[in-house]
Amino acid sequence: MDNLLSIVLSLLPDLILIGLGGVISKRLTPDIWAGIDRLNFLVLFPALLFVSASVRPIAISEIASVGVGVWTVMGLGFSLGLLLRSWGPPLF
């Protein structure tokens, strides 16, 4: 339970930033929002992810379990994407 709480707390700034962006986007013109969106995804969001991830160091004993979890989630997402691709728009 303690590990889950630390993961949720480390993701909390990201979730707040996403929610704040959704609220602010409704009040700005599309041109201004496009510039802010570009700045966010190219500079600010990667920096926030790096800082959030670096706050809690991962012990050597946890690397294997974290790695397996990450690869499992990525594999499931990729597989689900391949399965649902036939219902999506055409590629070209």
C-alpha atoms as a PDB file:
ATOM      1  CA  MET A   1       0.000   0.000   0.000  1.00  0.00           C
ATOM      2  CA  ASP A   2       2.885   2.335   0.776  1.00  0.00           C
ATOM      3  CA  ASN A   3       4.364   1.841  -2.712  1.00  0.00           C
ATOM      4  CA  LEU A   4       1.023   2.606  -4.347  1.00  0.00           C
ATOM      5  CA  LEU A   5       0.642   5.780  -2.304  1.00  0.00           C
ATOM      6  CA  SER A   6       4.114   6.985  -3.280  1.00  0.00           C
ATOM      7  CA  ILE A   7       3.365   6.327  -6.966  1.00  0.00           C
ATOM      8  CA  VAL A   8       0.071   8.231  -6.772  1.00  0.00           C
ATOM      9  CA  LEU A   9       1.731  11.134  -4.967  1.00  0.00           C
ATOM     10  CA  SER A  10       4.513  11.295  -7.540  1.00  0.00           C
ATOM     11  CA  LEU A  11       1.935  11.425 -10.363  1.00  0.00           C
ATOM     12  CA  LEU A  12      -0.241  14.024  -8.646  1.00  0.00           C
ATOM     13  CA  PRO A  13       1.598  17.077 -10.094  1.00  0.00           C
ATOM     14  CA  ASP A  14       1.195  15.646 -13.594  1.00  0.00           C
ATOM     15  CA  LEU A  15      -2.520  15.067 -13.121  1.00  0.00           C
ATOM     16  CA  ILE A  16      -3.027  18.560 -11.704  1.00  0.00           C
ATOM     17  CA  LEU A  17      -1.153  20.071 -14.647  1.00  0.00           C
ATOM     18  CA  ILE A  18      -3.302  18.156 -17.134  1.00  0.00           C
ATOM     19  CA  GLY A  19      -6.512  19.235 -15.388  1.00  0.00           C
ATOM     20  CA  LEU A  20      -5.390  22.856 -15.210  1.00  0.00           C
ATOM     21  CA  GLY A  21      -4.573  22.773 -18.911  1.00  0.00           C
ATOM     22  CA  GLY A  22      -8.054  21.520 -19.689  1.00  0.00           C
ATOM     23  CA  VAL A  23      -9.634  24.369 -17.731  1.00  0.00           C
ATOM     24  CA  ILE A  24      -7.389  27.067 -19.191  1.00  0.00           C
ATOM     25  CA  SER A  25      -7.722  25.828 -22.792  1.00  0.00           C
ATOM     26  CA  LYS A  26     -11.423  26.717 -22.803  1.00  0.00           C
ATOM     27  CA  ARG A  27     -10.640  30.388 -22.073  1.00  0.00           C
ATOM     28  CA  LEU A  28      -7.869  31.032 -24.633  1.00  0.00           C
ATOM     29  CA  THR A  29      -7.919  31.530 -28.399  1.00  0.00           C
ATOM     30  CA  PRO A  30      -6.757  28.571 -30.509  1.00  0.00           C
ATOM     31  CA  ASP A  31      -3.587  30.406 -31.633  1.00  0.00           C
ATOM     32  CA  ILE A  32      -2.450  31.168 -28.099  1.00  0.00           C
ATOM     33  CA  TRP A  33      -3.325  27.663 -26.957  1.00  0.00           C
ATOM     34  CA  ALA A  34      -1.295  26.107 -29.807  1.00  0.00           C
ATOM     35  CA  GLY A  35       1.841  27.940 -28.618  1.00  0.00           C
ATOM     36  CA  ILE A  36       1.288  26.994 -24.991  1.00  0.00           C
ATOM     37  CA  ASP A  37       0.565  23.406 -25.986  1.00  0.00           C
ATOM     38  CA  ARG A  38       3.809  23.202 -27.956  1.00  0.00           C
ATOM     39  CA  LEU A  39       5.826  24.648 -25.052  1.00  0.00           C
ATOM     40  CA  ASN A  40       4.164  22.248 -22.644  1.00  0.00           C
ATOM     41  CA  PHE A  41       4.794  19.069 -24.624  1.00  0.00           C
ATOM     42  CA  LEU A  42       8.315  19.952 -25.787  1.00  0.00           C
ATOM     43  CA  VAL A  43       9.773  21.503 -22.619  1.00  0.00           C
ATOM     44  CA  LEU A  44       7.647  21.603 -19.485  1.00  0.00           C
ATOM     45  CA  PHE A  45       5.987  18.187 -19.409  1.00  0.00           C
ATOM     46  CA  PRO A  46       9.198  16.162 -20.012  1.00  0.00           C
ATOM     47  CA  ALA A  47      10.928  18.191 -17.288  1.00  0.00           C
ATOM     48  CA  LEU A  48       8.059  17.554 -14.874  1.00  0.00           C
ATOM     49  CA  LEU A  49       8.144  13.819 -15.596  1.00  0.00           C
ATOM     50  CA  PHE A  50      11.893  13.720 -15.017  1.00  0.00           C
ATOM     51  CA  VAL A  51      11.668  15.585 -11.715  1.00  0.00           C
ATOM     52  CA  SER A  52       8.727  13.473 -10.517  1.00  0.00           C
ATOM     53  CA  ALA A  53      10.526  10.255 -11.396  1.00  0.00           C
ATOM     54  CA  SER A  54      13.843  11.314  -9.861  1.00  0.00           C
ATOM     55  CA  VAL A  55      12.388  12.248  -6.462  1.00  0.00           C
ATOM     56  CA  ARG A  56      12.014   8.612  -5.408  1.00  0.00           C
ATOM     57  CA  PRO A  57      15.107   6.579  -6.243  1.00  0.00           C
ATOM     58  CA  ILE A  58      14.534   2.958  -7.229  1.00  0.00           C
ATOM     59  CA  ALA A  59      16.539   0.376  -5.324  1.00  0.00           C
ATOM     60  CA  ILE A  60      18.514  -2.197  -7.284  1.00  0.00           C
ATOM     61  CA  SER A  61      16.240  -4.930  -5.947  1.00  0.00           C
ATOM     62  CA  GLU A  62      13.176  -3.167  -7.382  1.00  0.00           C
ATOM     63  CA  ILE A  63      14.538  -2.684 -10.899  1.00  0.00           C
ATOM     64  CA  ALA A  64      13.569  -6.162 -12.099  1.00  0.00           C
ATOM     65  CA  SER A  65       9.984  -5.916 -10.869  1.00  0.00           C
ATOM     66  CA  VAL A  66       9.547  -2.370 -12.193  1.00  0.00           C
ATOM     67  CA  GLY A  67      11.035  -3.388 -15.538  1.00  0.00           C
ATOM     68  CA  VAL A  68       8.736  -6.380 -15.869  1.00  0.00           C
ATOM     69  CA  GLY A  69       5.748  -4.196 -14.992  1.00  0.00           C
ATOM     70  CA  VAL A  70       6.666  -1.515 -17.527  1.00  0.00           C
ATOM     71  CA  TRP A  71       7.262  -4.021 -20.333  1.00  0.00           C
ATOM     72  CA  THR A  72       4.036  -5.838 -19.499  1.00  0.00           C
ATOM     73  CA  VAL A  73       1.965  -2.652 -19.684  1.00  0.00           C
ATOM     74  CA  MET A  74       3.688  -1.607 -22.923  1.00  0.00           C
ATOM     75  CA  GLY A  75       3.138  -5.041 -24.445  1.00  0.00           C
ATOM     76  CA  LEU A  76      -0.536  -5.085 -23.467  1.00  0.00           C
ATOM     77  CA  GLY A  77      -1.043  -1.613 -24.895  1.00  0.00           C
ATOM     78  CA  PHE A  78       0.701  -2.523 -28.139  1.00  0.00           C
ATOM     79  CA  SER A  79      -1.275  -5.767 -28.456  1.00  0.00           C
ATOM     80  CA  LEU A  80      -4.572  -4.006 -27.755  1.00  0.00           C
ATOM     81  CA  GLY A  81      -3.694  -1.376 -30.348  1.00  0.00           C
ATOM     82  CA  LEU A  82      -3.003  -4.058 -32.947  1.00  0.00           C
ATOM     83  CA  LEU A  83      -6.265  -5.829 -32.157  1.00  0.00           C
ATOM     84  CA  LEU A  84      -8.316  -2.625 -32.399  1.00  0.00           C
ATOM     85  CA  ARG A  85      -6.500  -1.266 -35.461  1.00  0.00           C
ATOM     86  CA  SER A  86      -9.018  -2.768 -37.887  1.00  0.00           C
ATOM     87  CA  TRP A  87     -11.739  -0.502 -36.430  1.00  0.00           C
ATOM     88  CA  GLY A  88      -9.618   2.647 -36.703  1.00  0.00           C
ATOM     89  CA  PRO A  89      -9.173   5.039 -39.612  1.00  0.00           C
ATOM     90  CA  PRO A  90      -7.137   3.904 -42.633  1.00  0.00           C
ATOM     91  CA  LEU A  91      -3.379   4.526 -42.416  1.00  0.00           C
ATOM     92  CA  PHE A  92      -3.022   6.194 -45.811  1.00  0.00           C
END
